[in-house]
Amino acid sequence: MIDPMGLTVLLKSASLLLGGLITFYAFRAYNRTQARPLKLLSVGFGIVTLGALLGGVVDTFLVMTREWAITVESALAVIGFGVILYSLYAN
């Protein structure tokens, strides 16, 4: 039987790793090209990744309910995806 908590930790860790790599490579591309949309793209992915991290921190280390962890993660995901969407239209 698969332990749901262990699987959650594994998936969150993979999410943080992949989100961090996407943020890193998008920022590297911005440094190389100085294209503002790439900067916004890296910021957006950074916010989404930060949301995953902070959601885990709130759930694991703070004396708050799991609902607050989901709320923090979801709010930062919405903001980050909004920045990513804006980056697709920015000049």
N, C-alpha and C. Protein backbone atom coordinates (compact mmCIF):
# COMPACT_ATOMS: atom_id res chain seq x y z
N MET A 1 0.85 -1.19 0.00
CA MET A 1 0.00 0.00 0.00
C MET A 1 0.89 1.25 0.00
N ILE A 2 0.52 2.21 -0.79
CA ILE A 2 1.27 3.46 -0.87
C ILE A 2 0.83 4.39 0.25
N ASP A 3 1.81 4.94 0.95
CA ASP A 3 1.55 5.91 2.01
C ASP A 3 1.21 7.26 1.37
N PRO A 4 0.00 7.76 1.56
CA PRO A 4 -0.39 9.02 0.91
C PRO A 4 0.49 10.20 1.33
N MET A 5 0.90 10.26 2.59
CA MET A 5 1.73 11.38 3.04
C MET A 5 3.10 11.32 2.40
N GLY A 6 3.67 10.13 2.32
CA GLY A 6 4.97 9.98 1.67
C GLY A 6 4.91 10.34 0.20
N LEU A 7 3.83 9.94 -0.46
CA LEU A 7 3.65 10.28 -1.86
C LEU A 7 3.48 11.78 -2.04
N THR A 8 2.76 12.41 -1.13
CA THR A 8 2.58 13.87 -1.18
C THR A 8 3.92 14.58 -1.04
N VAL A 9 4.73 14.14 -0.10
CA VAL A 9 6.05 14.75 0.10
C VAL A 9 6.91 14.56 -1.15
N LEU A 10 6.87 13.38 -1.73
CA LEU A 10 7.63 13.11 -2.95
C LEU A 10 7.17 14.01 -4.10
N LEU A 11 5.86 14.12 -4.29
CA LEU A 11 5.33 14.95 -5.38
C LEU A 11 5.61 16.44 -5.15
N LYS A 12 5.48 16.90 -3.91
CA LYS A 12 5.79 18.30 -3.60
C LYS A 12 7.27 18.59 -3.84
N SER A 13 8.13 17.65 -3.47
CA SER A 13 9.56 17.83 -3.70
C SER A 13 9.87 17.91 -5.19
N ALA A 14 9.23 17.04 -5.98
CA ALA A 14 9.42 17.09 -7.43
C ALA A 14 8.89 18.40 -8.00
N SER A 15 7.77 18.87 -7.48
CA SER A 15 7.20 20.14 -7.93
C SER A 15 8.14 21.30 -7.64
N LEU A 16 8.72 21.30 -6.45
CA LEU A 16 9.66 22.37 -6.09
C LEU A 16 10.91 22.31 -6.95
N LEU A 17 11.42 21.12 -7.19
CA LEU A 17 12.61 20.96 -8.02
C LEU A 17 12.34 21.44 -9.45
N LEU A 18 11.26 20.95 -10.05
CA LEU A 18 10.95 21.33 -11.43
C LEU A 18 10.59 22.81 -11.55
N GLY A 19 9.82 23.33 -10.61
CA GLY A 19 9.48 24.76 -10.61
C GLY A 19 10.72 25.62 -10.46
N GLY A 20 11.63 25.19 -9.58
CA GLY A 20 12.88 25.92 -9.41
C GLY A 20 13.73 25.92 -10.66
N LEU A 21 13.78 24.77 -11.34
CA LEU A 21 14.55 24.68 -12.58
C LEU A 21 13.94 25.55 -13.69
N ILE A 22 12.61 25.52 -13.81
CA ILE A 22 11.96 26.36 -14.82
C ILE A 22 12.24 27.84 -14.53
N THR A 23 12.13 28.23 -13.27
CA THR A 23 12.41 29.61 -12.88
C THR A 23 13.85 29.98 -13.20
N PHE A 24 14.78 29.10 -12.86
CA PHE A 24 16.20 29.35 -13.11
C PHE A 24 16.49 29.53 -14.59
N TYR A 25 15.99 28.60 -15.42
CA TYR A 25 16.28 28.68 -16.86
C TYR A 25 15.56 29.85 -17.53
N ALA A 26 14.37 30.19 -17.06
CA ALA A 26 13.69 31.37 -17.62
C ALA A 26 14.46 32.64 -17.25
N PHE A 27 14.99 32.71 -16.03
CA PHE A 27 15.76 33.89 -15.64
C PHE A 27 17.09 33.94 -16.39
N ARG A 28 17.70 32.78 -16.62
CA ARG A 28 18.94 32.76 -17.42
C ARG A 28 18.68 33.25 -18.83
N ALA A 29 17.56 32.85 -19.40
CA ALA A 29 17.21 33.30 -20.75
C ALA A 29 16.97 34.81 -20.75
N TYR A 30 16.35 35.32 -19.68
CA TYR A 30 16.17 36.78 -19.57
C TYR A 30 17.52 37.49 -19.50
N ASN A 31 18.44 36.98 -18.70
CA ASN A 31 19.77 37.60 -18.59
C ASN A 31 20.49 37.62 -19.93
N ARG A 32 20.29 36.58 -20.71
CA ARG A 32 20.95 36.49 -22.01
C ARG A 32 20.33 37.44 -23.04
N THR A 33 19.00 37.59 -23.00
CA THR A 33 18.31 38.35 -24.04
C THR A 33 17.82 39.71 -23.59
N GLN A 34 17.68 39.90 -22.28
CA GLN A 34 17.09 41.11 -21.70
C GLN A 34 15.65 41.34 -22.18
N ALA A 35 14.96 40.26 -22.54
CA ALA A 35 13.57 40.35 -22.98
C ALA A 35 12.66 40.39 -21.76
N ARG A 36 11.90 41.47 -21.63
CA ARG A 36 11.03 41.66 -20.47
C ARG A 36 10.04 40.51 -20.27
N PRO A 37 9.44 39.94 -21.33
CA PRO A 37 8.53 38.81 -21.12
C PRO A 37 9.19 37.62 -20.44
N LEU A 38 10.46 37.38 -20.73
CA LEU A 38 11.16 36.27 -20.06
C LEU A 38 11.37 36.57 -18.58
N LYS A 39 11.60 37.83 -18.26
CA LYS A 39 11.73 38.21 -16.86
C LYS A 39 10.41 37.97 -16.14
N LEU A 40 9.31 38.39 -16.76
CA LEU A 40 7.99 38.17 -16.16
C LEU A 40 7.67 36.69 -16.04
N LEU A 41 8.06 35.92 -17.04
CA LEU A 41 7.84 34.48 -17.00
C LEU A 41 8.57 33.86 -15.82
N SER A 42 9.82 34.25 -15.61
CA SER A 42 10.58 33.71 -14.49
C SER A 42 9.97 34.14 -13.15
N VAL A 43 9.50 35.37 -13.06
CA VAL A 43 8.86 35.84 -11.83
C VAL A 43 7.58 35.04 -11.57
N GLY A 44 6.78 34.83 -12.61
CA GLY A 44 5.54 34.06 -12.46
C GLY A 44 5.79 32.65 -11.98
N PHE A 45 6.74 31.95 -12.60
CA PHE A 45 7.05 30.60 -12.16
C PHE A 45 7.65 30.60 -10.76
N GLY A 46 8.42 31.63 -10.45
CA GLY A 46 8.97 31.74 -9.10
C GLY A 46 7.88 31.89 -8.06
N ILE A 47 6.84 32.66 -8.37
CA ILE A 47 5.73 32.85 -7.43
C ILE A 47 4.97 31.54 -7.24
N VAL A 48 4.70 30.82 -8.33
CA VAL A 48 4.00 29.54 -8.23
C VAL A 48 4.82 28.55 -7.39
N THR A 49 6.12 28.52 -7.63
CA THR A 49 7.00 27.62 -6.87
C THR A 49 7.06 28.02 -5.41
N LEU A 50 7.14 29.32 -5.15
CA LEU A 50 7.13 29.82 -3.78
C LEU A 50 5.84 29.43 -3.08
N GLY A 51 4.73 29.46 -3.81
CA GLY A 51 3.45 29.05 -3.22
C GLY A 51 3.47 27.60 -2.78
N ALA A 52 4.06 26.74 -3.59
CA ALA A 52 4.16 25.32 -3.22
C ALA A 52 5.02 25.17 -1.96
N LEU A 53 6.11 25.91 -1.91
CA LEU A 53 6.99 25.85 -0.75
C LEU A 53 6.28 26.37 0.51
N LEU A 54 5.66 27.55 0.40
CA LEU A 54 5.01 28.14 1.57
C LEU A 54 3.81 27.33 2.02
N GLY A 55 3.10 26.72 1.08
CA GLY A 55 2.00 25.84 1.46
C GLY A 55 2.49 24.69 2.32
N GLY A 56 3.61 24.11 1.94
CA GLY A 56 4.20 23.03 2.73
C GLY A 56 4.69 23.50 4.09
N VAL A 57 5.28 24.69 4.13
CA VAL A 57 5.76 25.24 5.40
C VAL A 57 4.60 25.51 6.34
N VAL A 58 3.53 26.12 5.82
CA VAL A 58 2.36 26.40 6.66
C VAL A 58 1.76 25.10 7.18
N ASP A 59 1.66 24.10 6.32
CA ASP A 59 1.07 22.82 6.71
C ASP A 59 1.93 22.06 7.72
N THR A 60 3.25 22.13 7.55
CA THR A 60 4.14 21.31 8.36
C THR A 60 4.60 21.99 9.65
N PHE A 61 4.95 23.26 9.56
CA PHE A 61 5.63 23.90 10.69
C PHE A 61 4.79 24.90 11.48
N LEU A 62 3.76 25.43 10.89
CA LEU A 62 2.96 26.43 11.60
C LEU A 62 1.72 25.79 12.20
N VAL A 63 1.24 26.39 13.27
CA VAL A 63 0.07 25.86 13.94
C VAL A 63 -1.17 26.45 13.27
N MET A 64 -1.42 25.95 12.07
CA MET A 64 -2.58 26.39 11.30
C MET A 64 -3.22 25.15 10.69
N THR A 65 -4.45 25.30 10.27
CA THR A 65 -5.12 24.16 9.67
C THR A 65 -4.61 23.93 8.25
N ARG A 66 -4.85 22.74 7.75
CA ARG A 66 -4.45 22.38 6.39
C ARG A 66 -5.14 23.28 5.36
N GLU A 67 -6.33 23.76 5.70
CA GLU A 67 -7.06 24.65 4.79
C GLU A 67 -6.26 25.93 4.52
N TRP A 68 -5.57 26.44 5.55
CA TRP A 68 -4.75 27.64 5.36
C TRP A 68 -3.58 27.36 4.43
N ALA A 69 -3.00 26.19 4.55
CA ALA A 69 -1.89 25.82 3.65
C ALA A 69 -2.38 25.78 2.21
N ILE A 70 -3.55 25.19 2.00
CA ILE A 70 -4.11 25.12 0.65
C ILE A 70 -4.45 26.52 0.14
N THR A 71 -4.96 27.38 1.02
CA THR A 71 -5.30 28.75 0.64
C THR A 71 -4.06 29.54 0.24
N VAL A 72 -3.00 29.43 1.03
CA VAL A 72 -1.75 30.14 0.71
C VAL A 72 -1.21 29.66 -0.64
N GLU A 73 -1.15 28.35 -0.83
CA GLU A 73 -0.63 27.80 -2.07
C GLU A 73 -1.49 28.22 -3.27
N SER A 74 -2.80 28.17 -3.10
CA SER A 74 -3.70 28.52 -4.19
C SER A 74 -3.62 30.00 -4.54
N ALA A 75 -3.52 30.85 -3.53
CA ALA A 75 -3.44 32.29 -3.79
C ALA A 75 -2.17 32.64 -4.57
N LEU A 76 -1.05 32.06 -4.17
CA LEU A 76 0.19 32.33 -4.89
C LEU A 76 0.19 31.71 -6.28
N ALA A 77 -0.49 30.58 -6.44
CA ALA A 77 -0.62 29.98 -7.77
C ALA A 77 -1.41 30.90 -8.69
N VAL A 78 -2.50 31.46 -8.19
CA VAL A 78 -3.32 32.38 -9.00
C VAL A 78 -2.50 33.61 -9.39
N ILE A 79 -1.78 34.18 -8.45
CA ILE A 79 -0.95 35.36 -8.75
C ILE A 79 0.13 35.00 -9.75
N GLY A 80 0.82 33.89 -9.51
CA GLY A 80 1.90 33.46 -10.41
C GLY A 80 1.40 33.18 -11.82
N PHE A 81 0.28 32.48 -11.94
CA PHE A 81 -0.26 32.19 -13.26
C PHE A 81 -0.74 33.47 -13.95
N GLY A 82 -1.22 34.43 -13.17
CA GLY A 82 -1.58 35.72 -13.74
C GLY A 82 -0.37 36.43 -14.33
N VAL A 83 0.76 36.37 -13.62
CA VAL A 83 2.00 36.99 -14.13
C VAL A 83 2.47 36.23 -15.38
N ILE A 84 2.38 34.91 -15.37
CA ILE A 84 2.78 34.12 -16.54
C ILE A 84 1.89 34.48 -17.73
N LEU A 85 0.59 34.58 -17.50
CA LEU A 85 -0.31 34.95 -18.60
C LEU A 85 0.04 36.33 -19.13
N TYR A 86 0.31 37.28 -18.24
CA TYR A 86 0.69 38.62 -18.66
C TYR A 86 2.00 38.59 -19.46
N SER A 87 2.93 37.71 -19.06
CA SER A 87 4.21 37.64 -19.76
C SER A 87 4.03 37.20 -21.21
N LEU A 88 2.99 36.46 -21.49
CA LEU A 88 2.75 35.99 -22.86
C LEU A 88 2.26 37.12 -23.77
N TYR A 89 1.76 38.20 -23.18
CA TYR A 89 1.26 39.33 -23.95
C TYR A 89 2.13 40.57 -23.85
N ALA A 90 3.09 40.57 -22.94
CA ALA A 90 3.95 41.75 -22.73
C ALA A 90 4.94 41.91 -23.87
N ASN A 91 5.27 43.13 -24.14
CA ASN A 91 6.28 43.43 -25.18
C ASN A 91 7.58 43.81 -24.55
